[in-house]
């Protein structure tokens, strides 16, 4: 659009987008002049495989010592949020994300780290367009501001790399065009809606759950509503063919990387976990739902209130009915799906938790209901509520666990820890770590301590995640010795609290019996041990 021809409100939208792009960019350290330091293993994995694809055109890398050691040992050489299959470390997460970021990163070596803020502001603009077309420009502007400030969305938009925003951007574009189709009944909008829904599935397979009701709705309209008769059955056949072409590259890669068209890295990773970590958890699904509702839904009660009230008052057009019913459906389905497993964040409220990221499509659609209700109030009340929300959201973004202040501090600590370890180990060494694989890989080989166990003893993990599991000591000792006996340099890294959970005395005694010992290097709370062969 020609900027000179833009309306005043459109210029405001553009100015706000530029402002928040800068805010998002500055809300997270980028480290563009060095290999980035990440806050999560998922970010590290996505970045590594994206760069690997950019540089080599491949999405797998050989497992070290795979032919020298048994698989119940080499399985531990898998970084978290990666998987291992037939001697290769492969992506665990959605391949569409890795492929897309890998292609986009050709612009500049670390340009990949700038895309999330861009996706963030464009996703908010799409939500603005949905609200503008269905409701009004006033509602749309409120939605736009609340979306850009919404804490989980803000934190996600500042992240160096995650697949949630490309998925969300495509999903909302699909909703935007289906809403336009409901208004003008044009095949073009129907086609674009289905196209973007399929692209969202390309980025995240679980988008299928959100696409099914749209597809069924369109089929119903095609056969039951006379006004939709100009949409032929042949069009649906063409649409399915195009959708298949979008999904086909992922299916082919699945077969190449995981040995099955329909098998993804998540299933491979789950196989690793079930063979090493005892999966017994003494916690019911209902208790998990209650934990997530208590920890997270209670943090944004006004959104749930808005949905309830808007759902009772918002039925004057079929497009408003559609967006209301679809929001309710998305909220229920995503809550049941996201809350049915022990994702990271069950121990308390974390603004970057997996649960909030998976719930984000529903939360953003809930913002439309909230903005609709706010627009019905008088001017003074609107300003008061909006200001209260802005202050509340900014407070959560900066001060909550895993918020901006936490992130800056943690990343600085991670960078210092990474530099300390890399400066004190030899090249191509193995480092045993509980959760610092996210900062050490691929600079060095990783031995993930949770994967050093075997599924032989019952254990009640409760709400503890994979990273909190401490291996059984005898197995831990035996496997580390076997790695050292290959001639590899093996180090054990961790902070004091983690290392106290492991019986280092037991390990040292076991090593000395076998003519090895532990050499200690220490800096503040960072501790590094090297397994050294005695003369």
Protein backbone atom coordinates (compact mmCIF):
# COMPACT_ATOMS: atom_id res chain seq x y z
CA UNK A 1 0.00 0.00 0.00
CA UNK A 2 1.18 3.52 -0.86
CA UNK A 3 1.96 5.24 2.46
CA UNK A 4 0.74 8.57 1.08
CA UNK A 5 -2.64 7.00 0.37
CA UNK A 6 -3.02 5.41 3.81
CA UNK A 7 -5.75 6.56 6.14
CA UNK A 8 -4.85 8.13 9.48
CA UNK A 9 -5.67 4.99 11.47
CA UNK A 10 -3.64 2.83 9.07
CA UNK A 11 -0.63 5.10 9.62
CA UNK A 12 -1.10 4.64 13.37
CA UNK A 13 -1.12 0.86 12.89
CA UNK A 14 2.10 1.05 10.85
CA UNK A 15 3.79 3.33 13.39
CA UNK A 16 2.83 1.02 16.26
CA UNK A 17 4.17 -1.97 14.29
CA UNK A 18 7.55 -0.28 13.78
CA UNK A 19 7.70 0.72 17.45
CA UNK A 20 6.96 -2.80 18.70
CA UNK A 21 9.38 -4.36 16.23
CA UNK A 22 12.12 -2.29 17.89
CA UNK A 23 10.80 -3.13 21.37
CA UNK A 24 10.75 -6.86 20.59
CA UNK A 25 14.21 -6.67 19.08
CA UNK A 26 15.63 -5.03 22.21
CA UNK A 27 13.76 -7.29 24.65
CA UNK A 28 16.16 -10.19 24.08
CA UNK A 29 19.96 -10.23 23.59
CA UNK A 30 20.77 -11.33 20.01
CA UNK A 31 24.57 -11.94 20.05
CA UNK A 32 24.76 -11.40 16.28
CA UNK A 33 28.57 -11.34 16.33
CA UNK A 34 28.92 -14.79 17.91
CA UNK A 35 27.19 -18.16 18.04
CA UNK A 36 24.01 -17.31 19.99
CA UNK A 37 23.38 -18.32 23.58
CA UNK A 38 19.90 -19.71 24.11
CA UNK A 39 17.51 -19.90 27.01
CA UNK A 40 15.89 -23.19 25.95
CA UNK A 41 17.07 -26.42 24.29
CA UNK A 42 14.32 -26.02 21.67
CA UNK A 43 15.75 -22.72 20.45
CA UNK A 44 19.23 -24.20 20.30
CA UNK A 45 18.00 -27.24 18.37
CA UNK A 46 15.98 -25.20 15.85
CA UNK A 47 18.90 -22.84 15.27
CA UNK A 48 21.44 -25.64 14.88
CA UNK A 49 19.40 -27.64 12.38
CA UNK A 50 18.36 -24.51 10.45
CA UNK A 51 22.02 -23.55 10.06
CA UNK A 52 22.93 -27.15 9.23
CA UNK A 53 20.30 -27.18 6.48
CA UNK A 54 21.49 -23.81 5.17
CA UNK A 55 25.14 -24.92 5.04
CA UNK A 56 24.81 -28.57 3.97
CA UNK A 57 21.26 -29.13 2.73
CA UNK A 58 20.97 -31.93 5.30
CA UNK A 59 19.04 -32.27 8.56
CA UNK A 60 21.06 -34.92 10.34
CA UNK A 61 24.52 -35.34 11.80
CA UNK A 62 26.39 -38.50 12.78
CA UNK A 63 26.36 -39.67 16.38
CA UNK A 64 29.94 -39.80 17.71
CA UNK A 65 31.36 -43.22 18.67
CA UNK A 66 28.16 -44.86 17.38
CA UNK A 67 30.05 -47.90 16.06
CA UNK A 68 32.28 -48.24 19.15
CA UNK A 69 29.71 -48.18 21.95
CA UNK A 70 26.36 -49.91 22.50
CA UNK A 71 23.23 -47.92 21.71
CA UNK A 72 22.14 -47.78 25.34
CA UNK A 73 25.18 -45.51 25.84
CA UNK A 74 25.23 -43.54 22.57
CA UNK A 75 21.57 -42.65 23.05
CA UNK A 76 22.79 -40.27 25.77
CA UNK A 77 24.74 -38.31 23.15
CA UNK A 78 21.42 -36.77 22.08
CA UNK A 79 20.85 -33.12 23.11
CA UNK A 80 17.43 -32.38 24.52
CA UNK A 81 14.84 -31.30 21.94
CA UNK A 82 16.71 -33.37 19.39
CA UNK A 83 16.20 -37.03 18.55
CA UNK A 84 18.41 -39.92 17.45
CA UNK A 85 17.71 -42.47 14.73
CA UNK A 86 20.00 -45.13 13.24
CA UNK A 87 23.25 -43.41 14.11
CA UNK A 88 22.18 -39.84 13.38
CA UNK A 89 21.09 -36.92 15.54
CA UNK A 90 17.96 -35.53 13.89
CA UNK A 91 15.41 -32.79 14.65
CA UNK A 92 12.79 -33.54 17.25
CA UNK A 93 10.67 -30.51 16.53
CA UNK A 94 8.54 -29.56 13.51
CA UNK A 95 10.51 -29.84 10.27
CA UNK A 96 8.62 -27.05 8.53
CA UNK A 97 10.09 -24.55 10.96
CA UNK A 98 13.67 -25.75 10.48
CA UNK A 99 13.34 -25.80 6.68
CA UNK A 100 11.80 -22.32 6.52
CA UNK A 101 14.31 -20.67 8.84
CA UNK A 102 17.14 -22.50 7.08
CA UNK A 103 16.11 -21.04 3.72
CA UNK A 104 15.47 -17.56 5.16
CA UNK A 105 18.86 -17.46 6.88
CA UNK A 106 20.67 -17.15 3.53
CA UNK A 107 20.07 -13.38 3.80
CA UNK A 108 22.80 -13.07 6.45
CA UNK A 109 24.63 -15.52 8.68
CA UNK A 110 22.54 -14.62 11.73
CA UNK A 111 19.56 -12.94 10.06
CA UNK A 112 17.53 -15.87 11.37
CA UNK A 113 17.63 -14.18 14.80
CA UNK A 114 15.69 -11.16 13.51
CA UNK A 115 12.68 -12.95 12.04
CA UNK A 116 10.65 -13.50 15.21
CA UNK A 117 9.99 -9.78 15.89
CA UNK A 118 8.93 -9.44 12.25
CA UNK A 119 6.54 -12.38 12.51
CA UNK A 120 5.27 -10.91 15.78
CA UNK A 121 4.17 -7.55 14.38
CA UNK A 122 2.75 -9.09 11.20
CA UNK A 123 0.74 -11.61 13.21
CA UNK A 124 -0.72 -8.75 15.27
CA UNK A 125 -1.59 -6.91 12.05
CA UNK A 126 -3.49 -9.95 10.74
CA UNK A 127 -5.49 -10.07 13.98
CA UNK A 128 -6.17 -6.35 13.55
CA UNK A 129 -7.54 -7.02 10.05
CA UNK A 130 -9.77 -9.84 11.30
CA UNK A 131 -11.27 -7.63 14.01
CA UNK A 132 -11.62 -4.67 11.63
CA UNK A 133 -13.50 -6.66 9.00
CA UNK A 134 -15.80 -8.45 11.45
CA UNK A 135 -16.36 -5.68 14.01
CA UNK A 136 -15.01 -2.15 13.55
CA UNK A 137 -11.78 -0.15 13.33
CA UNK A 138 -12.17 0.84 16.98
CA UNK A 139 -12.39 -2.79 18.11
CA UNK A 140 -9.52 -3.67 15.78
CA UNK A 141 -7.20 -1.03 17.23
CA UNK A 142 -7.91 -2.22 20.78
CA UNK A 143 -7.26 -5.82 19.70
CA UNK A 144 -4.04 -4.75 18.01
CA UNK A 145 -2.64 -2.99 21.08
CA UNK A 146 -3.70 -5.73 23.51
CA UNK A 147 -2.17 -8.39 21.27
CA UNK A 148 1.20 -6.64 20.95
CA UNK A 149 1.28 -6.19 24.74
CA UNK A 150 -0.08 -9.64 25.65
CA UNK A 151 2.75 -11.14 27.78
CA UNK A 152 3.08 -14.62 26.20
CA UNK A 153 2.91 -13.06 22.72
CA UNK A 154 5.47 -10.37 23.62
CA UNK A 155 7.92 -12.91 25.05
CA UNK A 156 7.44 -15.20 22.05
CA UNK A 157 8.03 -12.33 19.62
CA UNK A 158 11.33 -11.51 21.34
CA UNK A 159 12.63 -15.09 21.13
CA UNK A 160 15.58 -15.74 18.81
CA UNK A 161 13.87 -18.63 17.03
CA UNK A 162 10.64 -20.56 17.57
CA UNK A 163 8.09 -22.08 15.23
CA UNK A 164 5.02 -20.81 17.06
CA UNK A 165 4.77 -17.46 15.30
CA UNK A 166 5.06 -18.70 11.68
CA UNK A 167 2.37 -21.23 12.59
CA UNK A 168 0.21 -18.59 14.27
CA UNK A 169 0.66 -16.12 11.41
CA UNK A 170 -0.51 -18.72 8.87
CA UNK A 171 -3.40 -19.88 11.05
CA UNK A 172 -4.75 -16.35 11.54
CA UNK A 173 -4.46 -15.65 7.82
CA UNK A 174 -6.59 -18.74 7.25
CA UNK A 175 -9.19 -17.39 9.69
CA UNK A 176 -9.02 -13.95 8.04
CA UNK A 177 -9.83 -15.34 4.59
CA UNK A 178 -12.56 -17.68 5.79
CA UNK A 179 -14.20 -14.65 7.43
CA UNK A 180 -14.00 -12.80 4.11
CA UNK A 181 -15.47 -15.82 2.33
CA UNK A 182 -18.44 -15.78 4.70
CA UNK A 183 -19.07 -12.20 3.59
CA UNK A 184 -18.55 -12.30 -0.18
CA UNK A 185 -18.77 -16.02 -1.06
CA UNK A 186 -15.78 -15.72 -3.42
CA UNK A 187 -13.80 -18.81 -4.34
CA UNK A 188 -10.55 -16.83 -4.10
CA UNK A 189 -11.03 -16.25 -0.38
CA UNK A 190 -12.01 -19.87 0.19
CA UNK A 191 -8.88 -21.00 -1.63
CA UNK A 192 -6.61 -18.62 0.32
CA UNK A 193 -8.16 -19.71 3.61
CA UNK A 194 -7.50 -23.38 2.94
CA UNK A 195 -4.03 -22.59 1.59
CA UNK A 196 -2.95 -20.79 4.76
CA UNK A 197 -4.50 -23.45 6.99
CA UNK A 198 -2.39 -26.04 5.19
CA UNK A 199 0.69 -23.85 5.60
CA UNK A 200 -0.03 -23.70 9.35
CA UNK A 201 -0.08 -27.51 9.36
CA UNK A 202 3.28 -27.40 7.55
CA UNK A 203 4.66 -25.51 10.55
CA UNK A 204 2.84 -27.49 13.23
CA UNK A 205 1.00 -30.76 12.76
CA UNK A 206 -1.34 -30.00 15.67
CA UNK A 207 -2.85 -27.25 13.50
CA UNK A 208 -4.90 -30.11 12.05
CA UNK A 209 -7.01 -29.97 15.22
CA UNK A 210 -7.84 -26.34 14.46
CA UNK A 211 -8.44 -26.96 10.75
CA UNK A 212 -10.87 -29.89 11.05
CA UNK A 213 -13.91 -27.80 12.12
CA UNK A 214 -13.23 -25.30 9.31
CA UNK A 215 -13.12 -28.07 6.73
CA UNK A 216 -16.29 -29.70 8.06
CA UNK A 217 -18.03 -26.33 8.16
CA UNK A 218 -17.12 -25.64 4.53
CA UNK A 219 -18.31 -29.07 3.45
CA UNK A 220 -21.61 -28.47 5.21
CA UNK A 221 -22.04 -25.08 3.54
CA UNK A 222 -21.20 -26.53 0.16
CA UNK A 223 -23.94 -29.13 0.32
CA UNK A 224 -26.61 -27.44 2.45
CA UNK A 225 -26.56 -23.72 1.70
CA UNK A 226 -27.81 -22.59 -1.69
CA UNK A 227 -25.70 -19.42 -1.53
CA UNK A 228 -22.54 -21.55 -1.66
CA UNK A 229 -23.47 -23.62 -4.71
CA UNK A 230 -21.03 -21.73 -6.92
CA UNK A 231 -18.24 -23.50 -5.05
CA UNK A 232 -17.90 -26.76 -6.96
CA UNK A 233 -16.77 -30.11 -5.69
CA UNK A 234 -13.91 -29.95 -8.17
CA UNK A 235 -12.62 -26.95 -6.27
CA UNK A 236 -12.32 -29.08 -3.13
CA UNK A 237 -10.43 -31.71 -5.06
CA UNK A 238 -7.99 -29.07 -6.30
CA UNK A 239 -7.68 -27.70 -2.79
CA UNK A 240 -6.81 -31.15 -1.40
CA UNK A 241 -4.20 -31.64 -4.13
CA UNK A 242 -2.57 -28.29 -3.34
CA UNK A 243 -2.69 -29.07 0.37
CA UNK A 244 -1.03 -32.41 -0.25
CA UNK A 245 1.75 -30.69 -2.21
CA UNK A 246 2.39 -28.38 0.75
CA UNK A 247 2.53 -31.24 3.25
CA UNK A 248 4.37 -33.71 0.97
CA UNK A 249 7.92 -32.36 1.60
CA UNK A 250 7.43 -32.92 5.32
CA UNK A 251 6.17 -36.47 4.78
CA UNK A 252 9.13 -37.28 2.51
CA UNK A 253 11.58 -35.86 5.04
CA UNK A 254 9.89 -37.83 7.81
CA UNK A 255 10.53 -41.01 5.85
CA UNK A 256 14.16 -40.08 5.20
CA UNK A 257 14.96 -38.99 8.76
CA UNK A 258 12.72 -41.26 10.83
CA UNK A 259 12.00 -44.21 8.55
CA UNK A 260 8.26 -43.56 8.28
CA UNK A 261 6.19 -41.01 6.35
CA UNK A 262 3.92 -40.41 9.35
CA UNK A 263 6.54 -40.59 12.09
CA UNK A 264 7.95 -37.35 13.48
CA UNK A 265 10.89 -36.50 15.70
CA UNK A 266 8.62 -36.24 18.72
CA UNK A 267 7.85 -39.96 18.49
CA UNK A 268 11.54 -40.85 18.11
CA UNK A 269 12.39 -38.70 21.12
CA UNK A 270 9.59 -40.33 23.10
CA UNK A 271 11.06 -43.75 22.30
CA UNK A 272 14.41 -42.58 23.71
CA UNK A 273 12.76 -41.23 26.84
CA UNK A 274 10.78 -44.40 27.45
CA UNK A 275 13.90 -46.54 27.10
CA UNK A 276 15.91 -44.44 29.55
CA UNK A 277 13.58 -42.50 31.82
CA UNK A 278 11.00 -44.42 33.78
CA UNK A 279 7.67 -43.04 32.49
CA UNK A 280 5.61 -43.79 35.59
CA UNK A 281 4.09 -40.60 36.97
CA UNK A 282 1.76 -40.65 39.91
CA UNK A 283 -0.44 -37.83 38.65
CA UNK A 284 -3.81 -37.89 36.92
CA UNK A 285 -4.82 -35.97 33.82
CA UNK A 286 -7.46 -34.11 35.81
CA UNK A 287 -4.81 -32.97 38.28
CA UNK A 288 -2.67 -31.71 35.42
CA UNK A 289 -5.60 -29.75 34.01
CA UNK A 290 -6.18 -28.25 37.43
CA UNK A 291 -2.50 -27.27 37.73
CA UNK A 292 -2.48 -25.54 34.36
CA UNK A 293 -5.76 -23.77 35.06
CA UNK A 294 -4.47 -22.61 38.45
CA UNK A 295 -1.01 -21.58 37.24
CA UNK A 296 -1.91 -19.97 33.94
CA UNK A 297 -5.59 -19.38 33.20
CA UNK A 298 -5.98 -17.57 36.52
CA UNK A 299 -3.30 -15.11 35.35
CA UNK A 300 -5.60 -13.80 32.61
CA UNK A 301 -9.14 -14.06 34.05
CA UNK A 302 -10.45 -11.06 32.12
CA UNK A 303 -10.02 -12.98 28.86
CA UNK A 304 -12.25 -15.81 30.05
CA UNK A 305 -14.83 -13.34 31.35
CA UNK A 306 -14.80 -11.54 28.01
CA UNK A 307 -15.38 -14.77 26.11
CA UNK A 308 -18.36 -15.68 28.26
CA UNK A 309 -20.06 -12.30 27.96
CA UNK A 310 -19.26 -11.82 24.28
CA UNK A 311 -20.49 -15.30 23.52
CA UNK A 312 -23.92 -14.35 24.89
CA UNK A 313 -24.18 -10.97 23.15
CA UNK A 314 -22.31 -11.34 19.89
CA UNK A 315 -24.68 -13.06 17.46
CA UNK A 316 -25.93 -10.33 15.11
CA UNK A 317 -23.97 -11.55 12.04
CA UNK A 318 -22.84 -15.00 10.91
CA UNK A 319 -19.20 -13.87 10.87
CA UNK A 320 -19.40 -12.80 14.51
CA UNK A 321 -21.06 -16.09 15.37
CA UNK A 322 -18.32 -17.92 13.50
CA UNK A 323 -15.45 -16.17 15.29
CA UNK A 324 -17.14 -16.62 18.69
CA UNK A 325 -17.83 -20.33 18.23
CA UNK A 326 -14.40 -20.91 16.73
CA UNK A 327 -12.72 -19.17 19.67
CA UNK A 328 -14.62 -21.39 22.11
CA UNK A 329 -13.68 -24.48 20.10
CA UNK A 330 -9.99 -23.48 19.88
CA UNK A 331 -9.83 -22.75 23.59
CA UNK A 332 -11.33 -26.10 24.61
CA UNK A 333 -9.31 -28.19 22.14
CA UNK A 334 -6.00 -26.49 22.88
CA UNK A 335 -6.53 -26.67 26.64
CA UNK A 336 -7.34 -30.39 26.50
CA UNK A 337 -4.36 -31.04 24.24
CA UNK A 338 -1.81 -28.79 25.97
CA UNK A 339 -2.84 -29.80 29.46
CA UNK A 340 -2.76 -33.54 28.83
CA UNK A 341 0.99 -33.94 29.20
CA UNK A 342 3.66 -32.87 31.68
CA UNK A 343 5.17 -29.97 29.78
CA UNK A 344 7.72 -27.64 31.27
CA UNK A 345 6.11 -25.12 33.59
CA UNK A 346 3.98 -27.28 35.87
CA UNK A 347 5.94 -26.18 38.95
CA UNK A 348 4.61 -22.62 38.74
CA UNK A 349 3.86 -19.71 36.42
CA UNK A 350 6.46 -19.22 33.68
CA UNK A 351 5.70 -16.68 30.98
CA UNK A 352 7.55 -18.73 28.33
CA UNK A 353 5.97 -22.08 29.24
CA UNK A 354 4.97 -24.55 26.55
CA UNK A 355 1.38 -24.44 27.79
CA UNK A 356 1.03 -20.70 27.12
CA UNK A 357 2.65 -21.04 23.70
CA UNK A 358 0.31 -23.84 22.67
CA UNK A 359 -2.70 -21.91 24.00
CA UNK A 360 -1.73 -18.71 22.19
CA UNK A 361 -4.13 -19.06 19.21
CA UNK A 362 -7.07 -19.22 21.61
CA UNK A 363 -5.73 -16.41 23.80
CA UNK A 364 -5.31 -14.07 20.84
CA UNK A 365 -8.82 -14.80 19.58
CA UNK A 366 -10.05 -14.14 23.12
CA UNK A 367 -8.55 -10.67 22.80
CA UNK A 368 -11.13 -9.97 20.10
CA UNK A 369 -13.95 -10.74 22.53
CA UNK A 370 -12.28 -8.57 25.16
CA UNK A 371 -11.81 -5.66 22.75
CA UNK A 372 -15.44 -5.96 21.62
CA UNK A 373 -16.64 -5.59 25.21
CA UNK A 374 -14.26 -2.71 25.95
CA UNK A 375 -15.54 -0.85 22.88
CA UNK A 376 -19.08 -0.94 24.33
CA UNK A 377 -18.02 1.07 27.40
CA UNK A 378 -17.92 4.85 27.64
CA UNK A 379 -14.67 6.60 26.80
CA UNK A 380 -13.43 7.04 30.38
CA UNK A 381 -14.06 3.41 31.30
CA UNK A 382 -12.36 2.24 28.11
CA UNK A 383 -9.24 4.23 28.93
CA UNK A 384 -9.17 3.00 32.54
CA UNK A 385 -9.47 -0.69 31.60
CA UNK A 386 -6.95 -0.41 28.77
CA UNK A 387 -4.43 1.38 31.02
CA UNK A 388 -4.89 -1.22 33.78
CA UNK A 389 -4.28 -4.00 31.25
CA UNK A 390 -1.23 -2.26 29.81
CA UNK A 391 0.36 -1.77 33.24
CA UNK A 392 -0.50 -5.34 34.26
CA UNK A 393 0.88 -6.83 31.05
CA UNK A 394 4.12 -4.83 31.18
CA UNK A 395 4.60 -5.88 34.80
CA UNK A 396 4.19 -9.56 33.85
CA UNK A 397 6.52 -9.27 30.85
CA UNK A 398 9.37 -7.73 32.84
CA UNK A 399 9.01 -9.19 36.34
CA UNK A 400 7.50 -12.67 36.00
CA UNK A 401 9.64 -15.85 36.01
CA UNK A 402 11.32 -16.19 32.59
CA UNK A 403 10.37 -12.57 31.84
CA UNK A 404 12.69 -10.01 30.25
CA UNK A 405 14.73 -9.26 33.40
CA UNK A 406 15.14 -12.96 34.15
CA UNK A 407 16.08 -13.69 30.56
CA UNK A 408 18.83 -11.06 30.40
CA UNK A 409 20.33 -12.34 33.64
CA UNK A 410 20.08 -16.01 32.66
CA UNK A 411 21.57 -15.45 29.23
CA UNK A 412 24.52 -13.57 30.69
CA UNK A 413 25.12 -16.41 33.17
CA UNK A 414 24.78 -18.97 30.37
CA UNK A 415 27.31 -17.12 28.22
CA UNK A 416 29.81 -16.93 31.08
CA UNK A 417 29.26 -20.61 31.85
CA UNK A 418 29.67 -21.61 28.20
CA UNK A 419 32.89 -19.60 27.84
CA UNK A 420 34.26 -21.04 31.09
CA UNK A 421 33.66 -24.63 29.99
CA UNK A 422 34.86 -24.22 26.39
CA UNK A 423 38.04 -22.49 27.58
CA UNK A 424 38.83 -25.40 29.92
CA UNK A 425 38.14 -28.43 27.75
CA UNK A 426 39.87 -29.92 24.74
CA UNK A 427 38.25 -29.86 21.27
CA UNK A 428 35.76 -32.64 20.44
CA UNK A 429 35.33 -33.55 24.09
CA UNK A 430 32.23 -35.05 25.70
CA UNK A 431 30.54 -32.99 28.42
CA UNK A 432 28.07 -34.63 30.79
CA UNK A 433 25.40 -32.11 31.71
CA UNK A 434 21.90 -32.07 33.10
CA UNK A 435 20.50 -29.15 31.12
CA UNK A 436 23.38 -27.03 29.76
CA UNK A 437 23.31 -28.82 26.40
CA UNK A 438 21.37 -25.75 25.20
CA UNK A 439 24.53 -23.63 25.50
CA UNK A 440 27.26 -26.20 24.85
CA UNK A 441 26.00 -28.01 21.75
CA UNK A 442 27.28 -28.04 18.99
CA UNK A 443 30.55 -26.56 20.34
CA UNK A 444 31.26 -29.90 21.99
CA UNK A 445 29.72 -33.35 22.20
CA UNK A 446 26.98 -33.76 24.77
CA UNK A 447 26.15 -36.56 27.17
CA UNK A 448 22.66 -35.84 28.48
CA UNK A 449 22.70 -37.11 32.05
CA UNK A 450 18.95 -37.93 32.11
CA UNK A 451 19.54 -40.37 29.22
CA UNK A 452 22.32 -42.22 31.07
CA UNK A 453 19.81 -44.36 32.93
CA UNK A 454 17.86 -47.41 31.83
CA UNK A 455 14.24 -48.27 32.43
CA UNK A 456 14.89 -50.84 35.16
CA UNK A 457 13.65 -49.31 38.42
CA UNK A 458 10.24 -47.82 39.20
CA UNK A 459 10.30 -44.11 39.92
CA UNK A 460 7.58 -41.61 40.73
CA UNK A 461 8.63 -38.43 38.95
CA UNK A 462 5.47 -36.54 39.88
CA UNK A 463 5.64 -33.18 38.12
CA UNK A 464 9.39 -33.25 37.60
CA UNK A 465 10.49 -32.84 34.02
CA UNK A 466 13.11 -34.81 32.12
CA UNK A 467 15.91 -32.41 33.04
CA UNK A 468 15.29 -32.97 36.75
CA UNK A 469 15.83 -36.72 36.62
CA UNK A 470 19.07 -38.01 38.13
CA UNK A 471 20.38 -41.31 36.70
CA UNK A 472 20.81 -44.42 38.83
CA UNK A 473 24.36 -44.22 40.19
CA UNK A 474 25.79 -47.61 39.16
CA UNK A 475 24.59 -47.22 35.58
CA UNK A 476 25.89 -43.64 35.54
CA UNK A 477 29.36 -44.78 36.69
CA UNK A 478 29.55 -47.72 34.28
CA UNK A 479 28.52 -45.78 31.17
CA UNK A 480 30.84 -42.84 31.79
CA UNK A 481 33.76 -45.25 32.19
CA UNK A 482 32.89 -46.95 28.90
CA UNK A 483 32.97 -43.61 27.08
CA UNK A 484 36.32 -42.71 28.67
CA UNK A 485 37.79 -46.11 27.70
CA UNK A 486 37.37 -45.21 24.01
CA UNK A 487 40.04 -42.55 24.51
CA UNK A 488 37.56 -39.69 24.39
CA UNK A 489 37.94 -36.71 26.71
CA UNK A 490 35.01 -36.81 29.15
CA UNK A 491 34.02 -33.94 31.44
CA UNK A 492 31.20 -33.53 33.97
CA UNK A 493 29.74 -30.03 34.16
CA UNK A 494 27.11 -28.51 36.39
CA UNK A 495 26.36 -26.12 39.19
CA UNK A 496 26.76 -27.08 42.83
CA UNK A 497 23.09 -27.99 43.51
CA UNK A 498 23.01 -30.44 40.58
CA UNK A 499 26.36 -32.06 41.32
CA UNK A 500 25.38 -32.61 44.94
CA UNK A 501 22.60 -34.90 43.70
CA UNK A 502 25.18 -37.18 42.11
CA UNK A 503 27.49 -39.23 44.31
CA UNK A 504 30.80 -38.02 42.96
CA UNK A 505 32.59 -40.00 45.66
CA UNK A 506 30.97 -43.17 44.34
CA UNK A 507 31.99 -42.25 40.80
CA UNK A 508 35.55 -41.46 41.88
CA UNK A 509 35.91 -44.77 43.74
CA UNK A 510 34.55 -46.66 40.73
CA UNK A 511 36.91 -44.86 38.37
CA UNK A 512 39.96 -45.43 40.59
CA UNK A 513 39.24 -49.16 40.70
CA UNK A 514 39.44 -49.04 36.91
CA UNK A 515 42.61 -46.86 36.82
CA UNK A 516 40.86 -43.50 36.26
CA UNK A 517 40.26 -40.47 38.46
CA UNK A 518 38.47 -37.11 38.55
CA UNK A 519 40.38 -33.89 37.98
CA UNK A 520 38.57 -30.82 39.39
CA UNK A 521 38.28 -27.36 37.84
CA UNK A 522 36.11 -24.79 39.63
CA UNK A 523 34.97 -21.22 39.13
CA UNK A 524 32.47 -19.73 41.57
CA UNK A 525 29.40 -21.97 41.39
CA UNK A 526 30.44 -23.43 38.00
CA UNK A 527 32.12 -26.79 38.47
CA UNK A 528 33.92 -28.91 35.90
CA UNK A 529 35.41 -32.37 36.39
CA UNK A 530 37.56 -34.28 33.92
CA UNK A 531 37.80 -38.06 33.85
CA UNK A 532 41.54 -38.71 33.59
CA UNK A 533 43.39 -42.00 33.12
CA UNK A 534 45.96 -42.77 35.82
CA UNK A 535 49.51 -43.64 34.80
